[in-house]
PDB file of N, CA and C in Angstrom:
ATOM      1  N   UNK A   1       0.661  28.636 -34.032  1.00  0.00           N
ATOM      2  CA  UNK A   1       1.338  28.889 -32.725  1.00  0.00           C
ATOM      3  C   UNK A   1       2.087  27.742 -31.578  1.00  0.00           C
ATOM      4  N   UNK A   2       1.340  26.817 -31.197  1.00  0.00           N
ATOM      5  CA  UNK A   2       2.139  25.647 -30.690  1.00  0.00           C
ATOM      6  C   UNK A   2       3.646  25.234 -31.889  1.00  0.00           C
ATOM      7  N   UNK A   3       3.407  25.082 -33.146  1.00  0.00           N
ATOM      8  CA  UNK A   3       4.931  25.045 -33.787  1.00  0.00           C
ATOM      9  C   UNK A   3       5.922  25.791 -33.515  1.00  0.00           C
ATOM     10  N   UNK A   4       5.155  27.145 -33.338  1.00  0.00           N
ATOM     11  CA  UNK A   4       6.584  28.298 -33.242  1.00  0.00           C
ATOM     12  C   UNK A   4       6.871  28.113 -31.782  1.00  0.00           C
ATOM     13  N   UNK A   5       6.488  27.936 -30.669  1.00  0.00           N
ATOM     14  CA  UNK A   5       6.819  27.640 -29.315  1.00  0.00           C
ATOM     15  C   UNK A   5       7.657  26.515 -29.687  1.00  0.00           C
ATOM     16  N   UNK A   6       7.118  25.259 -30.030  1.00  0.00           N
ATOM     17  CA  UNK A   6       7.975  23.836 -30.222  1.00  0.00           C
ATOM     18  C   UNK A   6       8.891  24.351 -30.909  1.00  0.00           C
ATOM     19  N   UNK A   7       9.221  24.891 -31.983  1.00  0.00           N
ATOM     20  CA  UNK A   7      10.256  25.359 -32.695  1.00  0.00           C
ATOM     21  C   UNK A   7      11.582  25.895 -31.786  1.00  0.00           C
ATOM     22  N   UNK A   8      11.035  27.225 -31.280  1.00  0.00           N
ATOM     23  CA  UNK A   8      11.813  27.749 -30.227  1.00  0.00           C
ATOM     24  C   UNK A   8      12.687  27.006 -29.392  1.00  0.00           C
ATOM     25  N   UNK A   9      11.671  26.262 -28.635  1.00  0.00           N
ATOM     26  CA  UNK A   9      12.234  25.688 -27.739  1.00  0.00           C
ATOM     27  C   UNK A   9      13.168  24.494 -28.430  1.00  0.00           C
ATOM     28  N   UNK A  10      12.861  23.939 -29.095  1.00  0.00           N
ATOM     29  CA  UNK A  10      13.869  23.170 -29.988  1.00  0.00           C
ATOM     30  C   UNK A  10      15.255  23.716 -30.422  1.00  0.00           C
ATOM     31  N   UNK A  11      15.179  24.567 -30.461  1.00  0.00           N
ATOM     32  CA  UNK A  11      16.401  26.057 -31.106  1.00  0.00           C
ATOM     33  C   UNK A  11      17.122  26.156 -29.541  1.00  0.00           C
ATOM     34  N   UNK A  12      16.611  26.209 -28.559  1.00  0.00           N
ATOM     35  CA  UNK A  12      17.281  26.840 -27.879  1.00  0.00           C
ATOM     36  C   UNK A  12      17.994  25.722 -27.227  1.00  0.00           C
ATOM     37  N   UNK A  13      17.573  24.332 -27.072  1.00  0.00           N
ATOM     38  CA  UNK A  13      17.878  23.265 -26.596  1.00  0.00           C
ATOM     39  C   UNK A  13      18.963  22.331 -27.917  1.00  0.00           C
ATOM     40  N   UNK A  14      19.130  22.573 -28.537  1.00  0.00           N
ATOM     41  CA  UNK A  14      19.575  22.271 -29.544  1.00  0.00           C
ATOM     42  C   UNK A  14      21.069  22.595 -29.085  1.00  0.00           C
ATOM     43  N   UNK A  15      21.979  21.680 -29.143  1.00  0.00           N
ATOM     44  CA  UNK A  15      23.613  21.792 -28.649  1.00  0.00           C
ATOM     45  C   UNK A  15      24.519  21.524 -29.691  1.00  0.00           C
ATOM     46  N   UNK A  16      24.347  21.184 -30.853  1.00  0.00           N
ATOM     47  CA  UNK A  16      25.219  21.087 -32.134  1.00  0.00           C
ATOM     48  C   UNK A  16      25.503  22.025 -32.453  1.00  0.00           C
ATOM     49  N   UNK A  17      24.673  23.472 -31.938  1.00  0.00           N
ATOM     50  CA  UNK A  17      25.993  24.817 -32.331  1.00  0.00           C
ATOM     51  C   UNK A  17      26.684  24.827 -31.753  1.00  0.00           C
ATOM     52  N   UNK A  18      26.701  24.509 -30.461  1.00  0.00           N
ATOM     53  CA  UNK A  18      27.312  24.855 -28.938  1.00  0.00           C
ATOM     54  C   UNK A  18      28.600  23.772 -29.426  1.00  0.00           C
ATOM     55  N   UNK A  19      28.546  22.762 -30.002  1.00  0.00           N
ATOM     56  CA  UNK A  19      29.585  21.984 -29.993  1.00  0.00           C
ATOM     57  C   UNK A  19      30.450  22.538 -31.247  1.00  0.00           C
ATOM     58  N   UNK A  20      29.710  22.872 -32.463  1.00  0.00           N
ATOM     59  CA  UNK A  20      30.505  23.523 -33.061  1.00  0.00           C
ATOM     60  C   UNK A  20      31.320  24.980 -33.159  1.00  0.00           C
ATOM     61  N   UNK A  21      30.890  25.764 -32.034  1.00  0.00           N
ATOM     62  CA  UNK A  21      31.719  26.678 -31.576  1.00  0.00           C
ATOM     63  C   UNK A  21      32.753  26.385 -30.540  1.00  0.00           C
ATOM     64  N   UNK A  22      32.372  25.103 -29.754  1.00  0.00           N
ATOM     65  CA  UNK A  22      33.571  24.714 -28.796  1.00  0.00           C
ATOM     66  C   UNK A  22      34.770  24.282 -29.821  1.00  0.00           C
ATOM     67  N   UNK A  23      34.448  23.499 -30.994  1.00  0.00           N
ATOM     68  CA  UNK A  23      35.687  23.067 -31.769  1.00  0.00           C
ATOM     69  C   UNK A  23      36.245  23.903 -32.583  1.00  0.00           C
ATOM     70  N   UNK A  24      35.708  24.609 -32.635  1.00  0.00           N
ATOM     71  CA  UNK A  24      35.917  26.203 -33.515  1.00  0.00           C
ATOM     72  C   UNK A  24      36.909  27.044 -32.345  1.00  0.00           C
ATOM     73  N   UNK A  25      36.647  27.106 -31.261  1.00  0.00           N
ATOM     74  CA  UNK A  25      37.422  27.800 -30.077  1.00  0.00           C
ATOM     75  C   UNK A  25      38.929  26.667 -30.085  1.00  0.00           C
ATOM     76  N   UNK A  26      38.682  25.925 -29.841  1.00  0.00           N
ATOM     77  CA  UNK A  26      39.665  24.669 -29.915  1.00  0.00           C
ATOM     78  C   UNK A  26      41.054  24.914 -31.127  1.00  0.00           C
ATOM     79  N   UNK A  27      40.218  25.085 -32.214  1.00  0.00           N
ATOM     80  CA  UNK A  27      41.340  25.178 -33.163  1.00  0.00           C
ATOM     81  C   UNK A  27      42.092  26.507 -33.376  1.00  0.00           C
ATOM     82  N   UNK A  28      41.520  27.581 -32.978  1.00  0.00           N
ATOM     83  CA  UNK A  28      41.953  28.900 -32.640  1.00  0.00           C
ATOM     84  C   UNK A  28      42.588  28.696 -31.411  1.00  0.00           C
ATOM     85  N   UNK A  29      42.648  28.238 -30.966  1.00  0.00           N
ATOM     86  CA  UNK A  29      43.705  28.467 -29.525  1.00  0.00           C
ATOM     87  C   UNK A  29      45.116  27.217 -30.097  1.00  0.00           C
ATOM     88  N   UNK A  30      44.564  26.002 -30.699  1.00  0.00           N
ATOM     89  CA  UNK A  30      45.820  25.345 -31.373  1.00  0.00           C
ATOM     90  C   UNK A  30      46.553  26.041 -32.292  1.00  0.00           C
ATOM     91  N   UNK A  31      45.928  26.802 -32.796  1.00  0.00           N
ATOM     92  CA  UNK A  31      46.845  27.754 -34.038  1.00  0.00           C
ATOM     93  C   UNK A  31      47.288  29.113 -33.356  1.00  0.00           C
ATOM     94  N   UNK A  32      46.891  29.823 -32.426  1.00  0.00           N
ATOM     95  CA  UNK A  32      47.878  30.801 -31.830  1.00  0.00           C
ATOM     96  C   UNK A  32      48.866  30.216 -31.385  1.00  0.00           C
ATOM     97  N   UNK A  33      48.828  28.832 -30.734  1.00  0.00           N
ATOM     98  CA  UNK A  33      50.090  28.195 -29.816  1.00  0.00           C
ATOM     99  C   UNK A  33      50.942  28.044 -30.638  1.00  0.00           C
ATOM    100  N   UNK A  34      50.840  27.465 -32.216  1.00  0.00           N
ATOM    101  CA  UNK A  34      51.335  27.043 -33.263  1.00  0.00           C
ATOM    102  C   UNK A  34      52.176  28.201 -33.701  1.00  0.00           C
ATOM    103  N   UNK A  35      51.542  29.747 -33.994  1.00  0.00           N
ATOM    104  CA  UNK A  35      52.061  30.356 -34.429  1.00  0.00           C
ATOM    105  C   UNK A  35      53.001  31.229 -33.441  1.00  0.00           C
ATOM    106  N   UNK A  36      52.743  31.137 -32.022  1.00  0.00           N
ATOM    107  CA  UNK A  36      53.677  31.739 -31.095  1.00  0.00           C
ATOM    108  C   UNK A  36      54.856  30.850 -31.174  1.00  0.00           C
ATOM    109  N   UNK A  37      54.617  29.248 -31.259  1.00  0.00           N
ATOM    110  CA  UNK A  37      56.134  28.711 -31.126  1.00  0.00           C
ATOM    111  C   UNK A  37      56.779  29.087 -32.393  1.00  0.00           C
ATOM    112  N   UNK A  38      56.171  29.033 -33.438  1.00  0.00           N
ATOM    113  CA  UNK A  38      57.096  29.195 -35.057  1.00  0.00           C
ATOM    114  C   UNK A  38      57.868  30.699 -34.516  1.00  0.00           C
ATOM    115  N   UNK A  39      56.812  32.042 -33.976  1.00  0.00           N
ATOM    116  CA  UNK A  39      57.432  33.038 -34.037  1.00  0.00           C
ATOM    117  C   UNK A  39      58.436  32.763 -33.362  1.00  0.00           C
ATOM    118  N   UNK A  40      58.435  32.051 -32.078  1.00  0.00           N
ATOM    119  CA  UNK A  40      59.819  32.055 -31.182  1.00  0.00           C
ATOM    120  C   UNK A  40      60.686  31.323 -31.559  1.00  0.00           C
ATOM    121  N   UNK A  41      60.463  30.309 -32.074  1.00  0.00           N
ATOM    122  CA  UNK A  41      61.573  29.351 -32.868  1.00  0.00           C
ATOM    123  C   UNK A  41      62.155  29.890 -34.138  1.00  0.00           C
ATOM    124  N   UNK A  42      61.713  30.712 -34.767  1.00  0.00           N
ATOM    125  CA  UNK A  42      61.730  31.480 -36.147  1.00  0.00           C
ATOM    126  C   UNK A  42      63.245  32.094 -35.647  1.00  0.00           C
ATOM    127  N   UNK A  43      63.812  33.171 -34.803  1.00  0.00           N
ATOM    128  CA  UNK A  43      64.414  33.749 -34.624  1.00  0.00           C
ATOM    129  C   UNK A  43      65.830  32.801 -34.384  1.00  0.00           C
ATOM    130  N   UNK A  44      65.717  31.930 -33.528  1.00  0.00           N
ATOM    131  CA  UNK A  44      66.742  31.047 -33.330  1.00  0.00           C
ATOM    132  C   UNK A  44      67.219  30.323 -34.788  1.00  0.00           C
ATOM    133  N   UNK A  45      66.231  29.583 -35.410  1.00  0.00           N
ATOM    134  CA  UNK A  45      66.593  28.966 -36.792  1.00  0.00           C
ATOM    135  C   UNK A  45      66.790  29.666 -37.740  1.00  0.00           C
ATOM    136  N   UNK A  46      66.383  30.986 -37.653  1.00  0.00           N
ATOM    137  CA  UNK A  46      67.121  31.959 -38.826  1.00  0.00           C
ATOM    138  C   UNK A  46      68.727  32.393 -38.389  1.00  0.00           C
ATOM    139  N   UNK A  47      69.247  31.821 -37.477  1.00  0.00           N
ATOM    140  CA  UNK A  47      70.750  32.164 -37.122  1.00  0.00           C
ATOM    141  C   UNK A  47      71.463  30.903 -37.617  1.00  0.00           C
ATOM    142  N   UNK A  48      70.709  29.942 -37.365  1.00  0.00           N
ATOM    143  CA  UNK A  48      71.302  28.489 -37.467  1.00  0.00           C
ATOM    144  C   UNK A  48      71.323  28.558 -39.078  1.00  0.00           C
ATOM    145  N   UNK A  49      70.341  28.925 -39.964  1.00  0.00           N
ATOM    146  CA  UNK A  49      70.467  28.690 -41.153  1.00  0.00           C
ATOM    147  C   UNK A  49      71.931  29.675 -42.053  1.00  0.00           C
ATOM    148  N   UNK A  50      71.616  30.841 -41.175  1.00  0.00           N
ATOM    149  CA  UNK A  50      72.594  31.904 -41.265  1.00  0.00           C
ATOM    150  C   UNK A  50      74.279  31.247 -41.708  1.00  0.00           C
ATOM    151  N   UNK A  51      74.343  30.234 -40.209  1.00  0.00           N
ATOM    152  CA  UNK A  51      75.684  30.017 -39.972  1.00  0.00           C
ATOM    153  C   UNK A  51      75.672  28.703 -41.098  1.00  0.00           C
ATOM    154  N   UNK A  52      74.830  27.906 -41.376  1.00  0.00           N
ATOM    155  CA  UNK A  52      74.876  27.058 -42.013  1.00  0.00           C
ATOM    156  C   UNK A  52      75.217  27.555 -43.575  1.00  0.00           C
ATOM    157  N   UNK A  53      74.596  28.745 -43.990  1.00  0.00           N
ATOM    158  CA  UNK A  53      75.189  29.233 -44.920  1.00  0.00           C
ATOM    159  C   UNK A  53      76.226  29.643 -45.202  1.00  0.00           C
ATOM    160  N   UNK A  54      76.718  30.437 -44.100  1.00  0.00           N
ATOM    161  CA  UNK A  54      78.015  30.825 -44.191  1.00  0.00           C
ATOM    162  C   UNK A  54      79.070  29.814 -44.203  1.00  0.00           C
ATOM    163  N   UNK A  55      78.908  28.845 -43.768  1.00  0.00           N
ATOM    164  CA  UNK A  55      79.492  27.815 -43.773  1.00  0.00           C
ATOM    165  C   UNK A  55      79.817  27.025 -45.038  1.00  0.00           C
ATOM    166  N   UNK A  56      78.679  27.037 -45.708  1.00  0.00           N
ATOM    167  CA  UNK A  56      78.692  26.194 -47.093  1.00  0.00           C
ATOM    168  C   UNK A  56      79.600  27.184 -48.343  1.00  0.00           C
TER     169      UNK A  56
END
């Protein structure tokens, strides 16, 4: 029984999983920022490429 209680305590205070979750959240936020930037710049770049194509 003491092993079970000690195992639960170890699991409760283990911070390795929390670190993985934090890194996952950071990666997700960076991905959202990149997607937003690409979508915002995509419209402008589309017009630029259309002008270059027309000039050629």
